[in-house]
């Protein structure tokens, strides 16, 4: 099985309100899958079962030289300031690695009939999606100017499948729990 066909980047979702909720199953197909087709992958910050598993959106970029990397990272810093959201950034001579997850993400647990209670659980939110799409759009401008180097690992199709399995496993459990507590969603 080959890699996912590269999809158009989706529109940037609205800025989520606080407390910021984890992504939904709809977010996975609307935003995560297109990002995965652009070589983003779903990484693991912390392994666990259910909500104890903390996932991230990760991306590796390669540029023609150090000045290109630094200009790109400066553009990412501008995005981070505007979004009030940052990622872990690792810079080597002509490569940059990103890892983004929301430290202050919340899930909502049912505590009684019709009542929910927020619980802080780090993970993926629309803040990470917004950040990733904006970074990918910035990368596209660098690519158009000939400042990047294209590199697709032979393991890329496997990484895409693993990414989608990981995010579906983690976030479909949340949906299944909600359905067990409330009945199937209509």
N, C-alpha and C. Protein backbone atom coordinates (compact mmCIF):
# COMPACT_ATOMS: atom_id res chain seq x y z
N UNK A 1 0.84 -1.18 0.00
CA UNK A 1 0.00 0.00 0.00
C UNK A 1 0.89 1.24 0.00
N UNK A 2 0.62 2.18 -0.90
CA UNK A 2 1.41 3.40 -1.02
C UNK A 2 0.97 4.46 -0.04
N UNK A 3 1.62 5.62 -0.13
CA UNK A 3 1.25 6.72 0.78
C UNK A 3 -0.11 7.30 0.43
N UNK A 4 -0.68 8.01 1.41
CA UNK A 4 -1.92 8.75 1.16
C UNK A 4 -1.65 9.76 0.06
N UNK A 5 -2.63 9.94 -0.81
CA UNK A 5 -2.50 10.97 -1.83
C UNK A 5 -2.48 12.33 -1.13
N UNK A 6 -1.61 13.21 -1.59
CA UNK A 6 -1.51 14.54 -0.97
C UNK A 6 -2.83 15.27 -1.17
N UNK A 7 -3.40 15.70 -0.07
CA UNK A 7 -4.67 16.42 -0.08
C UNK A 7 -4.42 17.91 0.06
N UNK A 8 -5.36 18.71 -0.39
CA UNK A 8 -5.27 20.14 -0.16
C UNK A 8 -5.30 20.40 1.33
N UNK A 9 -4.57 21.42 1.75
CA UNK A 9 -4.66 21.80 3.15
C UNK A 9 -6.05 22.34 3.43
N UNK A 10 -6.62 21.97 4.55
CA UNK A 10 -7.96 22.47 4.87
C UNK A 10 -7.91 23.93 5.29
N UNK A 11 -9.08 24.56 5.31
CA UNK A 11 -9.19 25.91 5.85
C UNK A 11 -8.77 25.87 7.32
N UNK A 12 -8.21 26.95 7.79
CA UNK A 12 -7.81 27.03 9.19
C UNK A 12 -9.07 27.10 10.05
N UNK A 13 -9.18 26.20 11.03
CA UNK A 13 -10.39 26.23 11.87
C UNK A 13 -10.41 27.48 12.75
N UNK A 14 -11.57 27.86 13.24
CA UNK A 14 -11.64 29.01 14.14
C UNK A 14 -10.82 28.75 15.41
N UNK A 15 -10.36 29.83 16.00
CA UNK A 15 -9.61 29.71 17.25
C UNK A 15 -10.53 29.13 18.31
N UNK A 16 -10.14 28.04 18.95
CA UNK A 16 -11.02 27.44 19.96
C UNK A 16 -11.12 28.31 21.21
N UNK A 17 -12.24 28.19 21.87
CA UNK A 17 -12.44 28.91 23.12
C UNK A 17 -11.73 28.15 24.24
N UNK A 18 -11.59 28.81 25.36
CA UNK A 18 -11.01 28.14 26.53
C UNK A 18 -12.11 27.78 27.49
N UNK A 19 -12.10 26.66 28.15
CA UNK A 19 -11.04 25.67 28.07
C UNK A 19 -11.06 24.96 26.71
N UNK A 20 -9.88 24.68 26.20
CA UNK A 20 -9.72 24.09 24.88
C UNK A 20 -9.93 22.58 24.94
N UNK A 21 -10.88 22.10 24.15
CA UNK A 21 -11.20 20.67 24.12
C UNK A 21 -10.28 19.92 23.17
N UNK A 22 -10.17 18.63 23.41
CA UNK A 22 -9.43 17.74 22.50
C UNK A 22 -10.13 17.69 21.15
N UNK A 23 -9.41 17.21 20.14
CA UNK A 23 -9.97 17.06 18.81
C UNK A 23 -11.10 16.03 18.82
N UNK A 24 -11.95 16.12 17.80
CA UNK A 24 -13.07 15.19 17.64
C UNK A 24 -12.75 14.23 16.48
N UNK A 25 -13.59 13.23 16.33
CA UNK A 25 -13.43 12.32 15.18
C UNK A 25 -13.57 13.08 13.87
N UNK A 26 -14.45 14.06 13.83
CA UNK A 26 -14.61 14.88 12.62
C UNK A 26 -13.32 15.65 12.32
N UNK A 27 -12.65 16.15 13.37
CA UNK A 27 -11.39 16.87 13.19
C UNK A 27 -10.33 15.97 12.57
N UNK A 28 -10.37 14.69 12.90
CA UNK A 28 -9.37 13.75 12.36
C UNK A 28 -9.49 13.68 10.85
N UNK A 29 -10.70 13.51 10.33
CA UNK A 29 -10.86 13.40 8.87
C UNK A 29 -10.73 14.76 8.18
N UNK A 30 -11.18 15.81 8.84
CA UNK A 30 -11.15 17.14 8.21
C UNK A 30 -9.76 17.76 8.23
N UNK A 31 -9.01 17.58 9.31
CA UNK A 31 -7.74 18.28 9.48
C UNK A 31 -6.51 17.36 9.60
N UNK A 32 -6.60 16.33 10.43
CA UNK A 32 -5.42 15.50 10.68
C UNK A 32 -5.02 14.73 9.44
N UNK A 33 -5.98 14.07 8.78
CA UNK A 33 -5.65 13.28 7.59
C UNK A 33 -4.98 14.12 6.50
N UNK A 34 -5.49 15.33 6.17
CA UNK A 34 -4.78 16.14 5.17
C UNK A 34 -3.36 16.53 5.64
N UNK A 35 -3.20 16.82 6.93
CA UNK A 35 -1.86 17.14 7.43
C UNK A 35 -0.93 15.93 7.31
N UNK A 36 -1.44 14.75 7.62
CA UNK A 36 -0.64 13.53 7.49
C UNK A 36 -0.24 13.32 6.03
N UNK A 37 -1.11 13.69 5.09
CA UNK A 37 -0.75 13.55 3.67
C UNK A 37 0.36 14.52 3.28
N UNK A 38 0.59 15.56 4.10
CA UNK A 38 1.67 16.53 3.87
C UNK A 38 2.89 16.24 4.75
N UNK A 39 3.05 14.99 5.17
CA UNK A 39 4.19 14.50 5.93
C UNK A 39 4.20 14.89 7.40
N UNK A 40 3.09 15.38 7.94
CA UNK A 40 2.97 15.50 9.39
C UNK A 40 2.70 14.10 9.90
N UNK A 41 3.14 13.81 11.10
CA UNK A 41 2.83 12.51 11.69
C UNK A 41 2.32 12.71 13.10
N UNK A 42 1.63 11.72 13.57
CA UNK A 42 1.13 11.74 14.94
C UNK A 42 2.17 11.04 15.80
N UNK A 43 2.73 11.80 16.75
CA UNK A 43 3.74 11.26 17.64
C UNK A 43 3.18 10.98 19.02
N UNK A 44 4.01 10.38 19.85
CA UNK A 44 3.61 10.04 21.22
C UNK A 44 4.45 10.81 22.21
N UNK A 45 3.80 11.64 23.00
CA UNK A 45 4.48 12.35 24.09
C UNK A 45 4.55 11.43 25.29
N UNK A 46 3.45 10.74 25.54
CA UNK A 46 3.36 9.87 26.71
C UNK A 46 2.47 8.69 26.33
N UNK A 47 2.99 7.49 26.47
CA UNK A 47 2.19 6.30 26.18
C UNK A 47 1.25 6.02 27.34
N UNK A 48 0.18 5.38 27.04
CA UNK A 48 -0.79 5.03 28.06
C UNK A 48 -2.02 4.46 27.41
N UNK A 49 -3.04 4.29 28.20
CA UNK A 49 -4.31 3.75 27.72
C UNK A 49 -5.36 4.85 27.81
N UNK A 50 -6.12 5.03 26.75
CA UNK A 50 -7.18 6.03 26.76
C UNK A 50 -6.61 7.43 26.89
N UNK A 51 -7.17 8.18 27.83
CA UNK A 51 -6.77 9.58 28.01
C UNK A 51 -5.35 9.74 28.51
N UNK A 52 -4.75 8.67 29.01
CA UNK A 52 -3.38 8.77 29.50
C UNK A 52 -2.37 8.79 28.36
N UNK A 53 -2.82 8.49 27.15
CA UNK A 53 -1.94 8.55 25.98
C UNK A 53 -1.97 9.98 25.43
N UNK A 54 -0.81 10.64 25.42
CA UNK A 54 -0.72 12.02 24.95
C UNK A 54 -0.04 12.00 23.59
N UNK A 55 -0.77 12.50 22.58
CA UNK A 55 -0.26 12.53 21.21
C UNK A 55 0.18 13.93 20.82
N UNK A 56 0.99 14.00 19.78
CA UNK A 56 1.47 15.28 19.25
C UNK A 56 1.38 15.25 17.73
N UNK A 57 1.44 16.44 17.13
CA UNK A 57 1.60 16.56 15.68
C UNK A 57 3.06 16.92 15.43
N UNK A 58 3.75 16.11 14.62
CA UNK A 58 5.18 16.27 14.40
C UNK A 58 5.48 16.43 12.91
N UNK A 59 6.53 17.19 12.62
CA UNK A 59 6.92 17.38 11.21
C UNK A 59 8.42 17.63 11.14
N UNK A 60 9.06 17.05 10.14
CA UNK A 60 10.48 17.25 9.86
C UNK A 60 10.58 17.99 8.52
N UNK A 61 11.33 19.08 8.51
CA UNK A 61 11.56 19.86 7.29
C UNK A 61 13.04 19.92 7.00
N UNK A 62 13.36 19.95 5.71
CA UNK A 62 14.75 20.07 5.28
C UNK A 62 14.87 21.26 4.33
N UNK A 63 15.90 22.07 4.55
CA UNK A 63 16.10 23.29 3.78
C UNK A 63 17.45 23.26 3.08
N UNK A 64 17.65 24.22 2.17
CA UNK A 64 18.89 24.28 1.40
C UNK A 64 20.09 24.65 2.27
N UNK A 65 19.88 25.46 3.29
CA UNK A 65 21.00 25.88 4.13
C UNK A 65 20.53 26.49 5.45
N UNK A 66 21.48 26.84 6.26
CA UNK A 66 21.21 27.36 7.60
C UNK A 66 20.39 28.65 7.58
N UNK A 67 20.71 29.57 6.67
CA UNK A 67 19.96 30.83 6.61
C UNK A 67 18.49 30.59 6.28
N UNK A 68 18.22 29.61 5.42
CA UNK A 68 16.84 29.27 5.09
C UNK A 68 16.12 28.74 6.34
N UNK A 69 16.80 27.90 7.09
CA UNK A 69 16.22 27.36 8.33
C UNK A 69 15.90 28.50 9.29
N UNK A 70 16.84 29.40 9.49
CA UNK A 70 16.64 30.47 10.46
C UNK A 70 15.51 31.41 10.03
N UNK A 71 15.42 31.71 8.73
CA UNK A 71 14.32 32.54 8.24
C UNK A 71 12.98 31.83 8.46
N UNK A 72 12.94 30.53 8.21
CA UNK A 72 11.73 29.76 8.42
C UNK A 72 11.32 29.76 9.90
N UNK A 73 12.28 29.51 10.77
CA UNK A 73 12.00 29.48 12.21
C UNK A 73 11.53 30.85 12.69
N UNK A 74 12.07 31.92 12.12
CA UNK A 74 11.60 33.26 12.49
C UNK A 74 10.13 33.43 12.09
N UNK A 75 9.76 32.91 10.92
CA UNK A 75 8.37 32.95 10.50
C UNK A 75 7.48 32.13 11.42
N UNK A 76 7.99 30.99 11.87
CA UNK A 76 7.24 30.15 12.81
C UNK A 76 7.09 30.87 14.15
N UNK A 77 8.13 31.58 14.58
CA UNK A 77 8.04 32.36 15.82
C UNK A 77 6.93 33.41 15.71
N UNK A 78 6.82 34.04 14.55
CA UNK A 78 5.74 35.02 14.34
C UNK A 78 4.37 34.35 14.44
N UNK A 79 4.24 33.14 13.86
CA UNK A 79 2.99 32.38 13.96
C UNK A 79 2.71 32.06 15.43
N UNK A 80 3.71 31.61 16.15
CA UNK A 80 3.54 31.25 17.56
C UNK A 80 3.05 32.43 18.39
N UNK A 81 3.65 33.58 18.16
CA UNK A 81 3.22 34.78 18.90
C UNK A 81 1.77 35.14 18.57
N UNK A 82 1.43 35.11 17.30
CA UNK A 82 0.07 35.46 16.89
C UNK A 82 -0.96 34.47 17.43
N UNK A 83 -0.60 33.20 17.45
CA UNK A 83 -1.52 32.15 17.89
C UNK A 83 -1.50 31.96 19.41
N UNK A 84 -0.49 32.54 20.07
CA UNK A 84 -0.29 32.29 21.51
C UNK A 84 -0.22 30.78 21.76
N UNK A 85 0.56 30.12 20.89
CA UNK A 85 0.73 28.67 20.95
C UNK A 85 2.12 28.36 20.41
N UNK A 86 2.83 27.48 21.07
CA UNK A 86 4.18 27.16 20.62
C UNK A 86 4.37 25.65 20.54
N UNK A 87 5.38 25.28 19.81
CA UNK A 87 5.75 23.88 19.65
C UNK A 87 7.18 23.69 20.13
N UNK A 88 7.55 22.45 20.31
CA UNK A 88 8.97 22.13 20.55
C UNK A 88 9.63 22.19 19.18
N UNK A 89 10.70 22.96 19.10
CA UNK A 89 11.41 23.14 17.83
C UNK A 89 12.86 22.69 18.02
N UNK A 90 13.32 21.81 17.15
CA UNK A 90 14.71 21.35 17.17
C UNK A 90 15.34 21.76 15.84
N UNK A 91 16.43 22.52 15.94
CA UNK A 91 17.11 23.02 14.75
C UNK A 91 18.47 22.34 14.63
N UNK A 92 18.74 21.80 13.45
CA UNK A 92 20.08 21.36 13.10
C UNK A 92 20.43 22.12 11.83
N UNK A 93 21.63 22.02 11.37
CA UNK A 93 22.13 22.88 10.31
C UNK A 93 21.09 23.23 9.24
N UNK A 94 20.53 22.23 8.55
CA UNK A 94 19.56 22.54 7.50
C UNK A 94 18.23 21.81 7.70
N UNK A 95 17.96 21.39 8.93
CA UNK A 95 16.70 20.72 9.23
C UNK A 95 16.03 21.34 10.45
N UNK A 96 14.71 21.21 10.49
CA UNK A 96 13.91 21.68 11.62
C UNK A 96 12.87 20.60 11.92
N UNK A 97 12.73 20.28 13.20
CA UNK A 97 11.71 19.34 13.64
C UNK A 97 10.75 20.07 14.57
N UNK A 98 9.46 19.80 14.39
CA UNK A 98 8.41 20.39 15.23
C UNK A 98 7.64 19.28 15.91
N UNK A 99 7.21 19.56 17.12
CA UNK A 99 6.31 18.68 17.85
C UNK A 99 5.36 19.58 18.62
N UNK A 100 4.06 19.43 18.34
CA UNK A 100 3.07 20.31 18.95
C UNK A 100 1.96 19.50 19.63
N UNK A 101 1.66 19.86 20.84
CA UNK A 101 0.47 19.39 21.54
C UNK A 101 0.08 20.48 22.53
N UNK A 102 -1.15 20.43 22.99
CA UNK A 102 -1.65 21.45 23.90
C UNK A 102 -1.54 20.95 25.34
N UNK A 103 -0.74 21.66 26.12
CA UNK A 103 -0.53 21.28 27.53
C UNK A 103 -1.80 21.46 28.35
N UNK A 104 -2.59 22.47 27.99
CA UNK A 104 -3.78 22.82 28.77
C UNK A 104 -5.07 22.39 28.08
N UNK A 105 -5.06 21.22 27.46
CA UNK A 105 -6.27 20.70 26.82
C UNK A 105 -7.18 20.08 27.88
N UNK A 106 -8.45 20.09 27.58
CA UNK A 106 -9.43 19.55 28.53
C UNK A 106 -10.32 18.52 27.87
N UNK A 107 -10.68 17.52 28.67
CA UNK A 107 -11.75 16.60 28.31
C UNK A 107 -12.88 16.88 29.29
N UNK A 108 -14.06 16.47 28.92
CA UNK A 108 -15.21 16.72 29.78
C UNK A 108 -15.83 15.39 30.18
N UNK A 109 -15.82 15.12 31.49
CA UNK A 109 -16.31 13.86 32.03
C UNK A 109 -17.72 14.04 32.58
N UNK A 110 -18.53 13.03 32.36
CA UNK A 110 -19.88 13.05 32.89
C UNK A 110 -19.81 12.75 34.38
N UNK A 111 -20.39 13.61 35.19
CA UNK A 111 -20.37 13.43 36.65
C UNK A 111 -21.76 13.21 37.21
N UNK A 112 -22.73 13.28 36.40
CA UNK A 112 -24.11 13.07 36.83
C UNK A 112 -25.03 13.25 35.66
N UNK A 113 -26.28 13.14 35.92
CA UNK A 113 -27.26 13.23 34.84
C UNK A 113 -27.18 14.60 34.16
N UNK A 114 -26.67 14.60 32.92
CA UNK A 114 -26.58 15.83 32.15
C UNK A 114 -25.50 16.80 32.59
N UNK A 115 -24.65 16.42 33.54
CA UNK A 115 -23.60 17.31 34.02
C UNK A 115 -22.23 16.79 33.62
N UNK A 116 -21.38 17.72 33.23
CA UNK A 116 -20.00 17.37 32.90
C UNK A 116 -19.05 18.21 33.73
N UNK A 117 -17.85 17.70 33.83
CA UNK A 117 -16.81 18.39 34.59
C UNK A 117 -15.53 18.38 33.74
N UNK A 118 -14.88 19.55 33.57
CA UNK A 118 -13.65 19.56 32.78
C UNK A 118 -12.49 18.91 33.55
N UNK A 119 -11.64 18.23 32.81
CA UNK A 119 -10.44 17.62 33.39
C UNK A 119 -9.27 17.94 32.46
N UNK A 120 -8.21 18.50 33.02
CA UNK A 120 -7.04 18.87 32.23
C UNK A 120 -6.25 17.62 31.87
N UNK A 121 -6.14 17.38 30.54
CA UNK A 121 -5.41 16.24 30.01
C UNK A 121 -4.69 16.72 28.75
N UNK A 122 -3.37 16.83 28.76
CA UNK A 122 -2.66 17.28 27.54
C UNK A 122 -3.01 16.41 26.34
N UNK A 123 -3.01 17.02 25.16
CA UNK A 123 -3.30 16.27 23.95
C UNK A 123 -3.46 17.17 22.75
N UNK A 124 -4.06 16.64 21.71
CA UNK A 124 -4.25 17.39 20.47
C UNK A 124 -5.54 18.19 20.49
N UNK A 125 -5.44 19.46 20.09
CA UNK A 125 -6.59 20.34 20.01
C UNK A 125 -6.55 21.09 18.68
N UNK A 126 -7.57 21.88 18.44
CA UNK A 126 -7.58 22.69 17.23
C UNK A 126 -6.48 23.76 17.27
N UNK A 127 -5.94 24.08 18.43
CA UNK A 127 -4.79 24.98 18.50
C UNK A 127 -3.60 24.36 17.77
N UNK A 128 -3.38 23.07 17.97
CA UNK A 128 -2.29 22.37 17.29
C UNK A 128 -2.56 22.28 15.79
N UNK A 129 -3.81 22.06 15.44
CA UNK A 129 -4.19 21.98 14.02
C UNK A 129 -3.95 23.33 13.35
N UNK A 130 -4.41 24.42 13.96
CA UNK A 130 -4.20 25.76 13.40
C UNK A 130 -2.71 26.02 13.21
N UNK A 131 -1.93 25.71 14.24
CA UNK A 131 -0.48 25.92 14.19
C UNK A 131 0.13 25.12 13.03
N UNK A 132 -0.22 23.83 12.93
CA UNK A 132 0.35 22.97 11.89
C UNK A 132 -0.02 23.47 10.49
N UNK A 133 -1.25 23.86 10.28
CA UNK A 133 -1.66 24.34 8.95
C UNK A 133 -0.89 25.61 8.60
N UNK A 134 -0.77 26.53 9.55
CA UNK A 134 -0.05 27.78 9.27
C UNK A 134 1.42 27.52 9.01
N UNK A 135 2.03 26.61 9.74
CA UNK A 135 3.44 26.26 9.50
C UNK A 135 3.58 25.62 8.13
N UNK A 136 2.65 24.74 7.78
CA UNK A 136 2.71 24.09 6.46
C UNK A 136 2.53 25.11 5.34
N UNK A 137 1.64 26.07 5.52
CA UNK A 137 1.48 27.13 4.52
C UNK A 137 2.77 27.95 4.38
N UNK A 138 3.42 28.25 5.50
CA UNK A 138 4.70 28.97 5.45
C UNK A 138 5.74 28.14 4.69
N UNK A 139 5.78 26.83 4.96
CA UNK A 139 6.72 25.95 4.26
C UNK A 139 6.46 25.97 2.75
N UNK A 140 5.20 26.01 2.37
CA UNK A 140 4.86 26.06 0.94
C UNK A 140 5.47 27.30 0.27
N UNK A 141 5.48 28.44 0.97
CA UNK A 141 6.08 29.65 0.39
C UNK A 141 7.59 29.49 0.24
N UNK A 142 8.23 28.81 1.18
CA UNK A 142 9.67 28.55 1.08
C UNK A 142 9.94 27.58 -0.06
N UNK A 143 9.08 26.60 -0.23
CA UNK A 143 9.24 25.64 -1.33
C UNK A 143 9.11 26.34 -2.67
N UNK A 144 8.11 27.23 -2.80
CA UNK A 144 7.91 27.97 -4.05
C UNK A 144 9.12 28.82 -4.39
N UNK A 145 9.86 29.29 -3.39
CA UNK A 145 11.04 30.12 -3.60
C UNK A 145 12.32 29.30 -3.75
N UNK A 146 12.19 27.97 -3.77
CA UNK A 146 13.34 27.10 -3.96
C UNK A 146 14.27 27.03 -2.75
N UNK A 147 13.73 27.24 -1.55
CA UNK A 147 14.57 27.27 -0.34
C UNK A 147 14.51 25.98 0.46
N UNK A 148 13.77 24.99 -0.03
CA UNK A 148 13.65 23.72 0.69
C UNK A 148 14.25 22.59 -0.11
N UNK A 149 14.46 21.49 0.55
CA UNK A 149 14.89 20.25 -0.10
C UNK A 149 13.80 19.23 0.16
N UNK A 150 13.36 18.55 -0.87
CA UNK A 150 12.32 17.54 -0.70
C UNK A 150 12.97 16.21 -0.33
N UNK A 151 12.43 15.62 0.71
CA UNK A 151 12.89 14.33 1.16
C UNK A 151 11.68 13.56 1.66
N UNK A 152 11.43 12.42 1.05
CA UNK A 152 10.34 11.57 1.51
C UNK A 152 10.96 10.22 1.85
N UNK A 153 10.87 9.87 3.10
CA UNK A 153 11.42 8.61 3.59
C UNK A 153 10.70 7.43 2.97
N UNK A 154 11.44 6.35 2.76
CA UNK A 154 10.81 5.12 2.27
C UNK A 154 9.78 4.61 3.27
N UNK A 155 9.94 4.99 4.53
CA UNK A 155 9.02 4.57 5.58
C UNK A 155 7.76 5.44 5.65
N UNK A 156 7.67 6.45 4.79
CA UNK A 156 6.56 7.40 4.84
C UNK A 156 5.18 6.74 4.81
N UNK A 157 4.88 5.81 3.90
CA UNK A 157 3.55 5.18 3.91
C UNK A 157 3.25 4.50 5.25
N UNK A 158 4.24 3.84 5.81
CA UNK A 158 4.07 3.19 7.12
C UNK A 158 3.79 4.24 8.20
N UNK A 159 4.53 5.34 8.20
CA UNK A 159 4.33 6.39 9.19
C UNK A 159 2.93 7.00 9.07
N UNK A 160 2.45 7.16 7.84
CA UNK A 160 1.09 7.68 7.64
C UNK A 160 0.05 6.74 8.25
N UNK A 161 0.19 5.45 7.96
CA UNK A 161 -0.77 4.48 8.50
C UNK A 161 -0.71 4.46 10.03
N UNK A 162 0.50 4.46 10.58
CA UNK A 162 0.65 4.45 12.04
C UNK A 162 0.05 5.71 12.66
N UNK A 163 0.26 6.86 12.01
CA UNK A 163 -0.29 8.11 12.51
C UNK A 163 -1.81 8.06 12.59
N UNK A 164 -2.43 7.60 11.53
CA UNK A 164 -3.89 7.55 11.50
C UNK A 164 -4.42 6.51 12.50
N UNK A 165 -3.73 5.38 12.63
CA UNK A 165 -4.14 4.38 13.62
C UNK A 165 -4.04 4.94 15.03
N UNK A 166 -2.96 5.62 15.32
CA UNK A 166 -2.74 6.18 16.66
C UNK A 166 -3.81 7.19 17.03
N UNK A 167 -4.08 8.12 16.13
CA UNK A 167 -5.04 9.18 16.44
C UNK A 167 -6.47 8.62 16.51
N UNK A 168 -6.79 7.67 15.66
CA UNK A 168 -8.11 7.07 15.72
C UNK A 168 -8.28 6.22 16.98
N UNK A 169 -7.24 5.48 17.35
CA UNK A 169 -7.31 4.67 18.57
C UNK A 169 -7.51 5.58 19.78
N UNK A 170 -6.74 6.65 19.86
CA UNK A 170 -6.82 7.54 21.03
C UNK A 170 -8.15 8.29 21.10
N UNK A 171 -8.58 8.85 20.00
CA UNK A 171 -9.75 9.71 20.05
C UNK A 171 -11.06 8.99 19.76
N UNK A 172 -11.05 7.80 19.18
CA UNK A 172 -12.31 7.07 19.02
C UNK A 172 -12.72 6.47 20.35
N UNK A 173 -11.78 6.22 21.27
CA UNK A 173 -12.12 5.75 22.61
C UNK A 173 -12.97 6.79 23.33
N UNK A 174 -12.60 8.06 23.18
CA UNK A 174 -13.36 9.14 23.81
C UNK A 174 -14.79 9.11 23.30
N UNK A 175 -14.96 8.94 22.00
CA UNK A 175 -16.29 8.91 21.39
C UNK A 175 -17.06 7.70 21.90
N UNK A 176 -16.39 6.54 21.99
CA UNK A 176 -17.06 5.33 22.44
C UNK A 176 -17.51 5.47 23.90
N UNK A 177 -16.72 6.09 24.74
CA UNK A 177 -17.08 6.30 26.14
C UNK A 177 -18.30 7.21 26.22
N UNK A 178 -18.30 8.29 25.44
CA UNK A 178 -19.44 9.22 25.44
C UNK A 178 -20.71 8.50 24.99
N UNK A 179 -20.59 7.63 23.99
CA UNK A 179 -21.76 6.91 23.51
C UNK A 179 -22.25 5.92 24.55
N UNK A 180 -21.35 5.28 25.30
CA UNK A 180 -21.77 4.35 26.35
C UNK A 180 -22.51 5.08 27.45
N UNK A 181 -22.07 6.32 27.77
CA UNK A 181 -22.68 7.07 28.84
C UNK A 181 -23.98 7.74 28.41
N UNK A 182 -24.05 8.22 27.17
CA UNK A 182 -25.19 9.01 26.70
C UNK A 182 -26.06 8.28 25.69
N UNK A 183 -25.59 7.16 25.18
CA UNK A 183 -26.26 6.52 24.06
C UNK A 183 -25.62 7.02 22.77
N UNK A 184 -25.84 6.36 21.64
CA UNK A 184 -25.21 6.76 20.38
C UNK A 184 -25.52 8.21 20.01
N UNK A 185 -24.49 8.90 19.43
CA UNK A 185 -24.66 10.27 18.97
C UNK A 185 -25.45 10.25 17.67
N UNK A 186 -26.39 11.16 17.54
CA UNK A 186 -27.23 11.23 16.34
C UNK A 186 -26.61 12.18 15.36
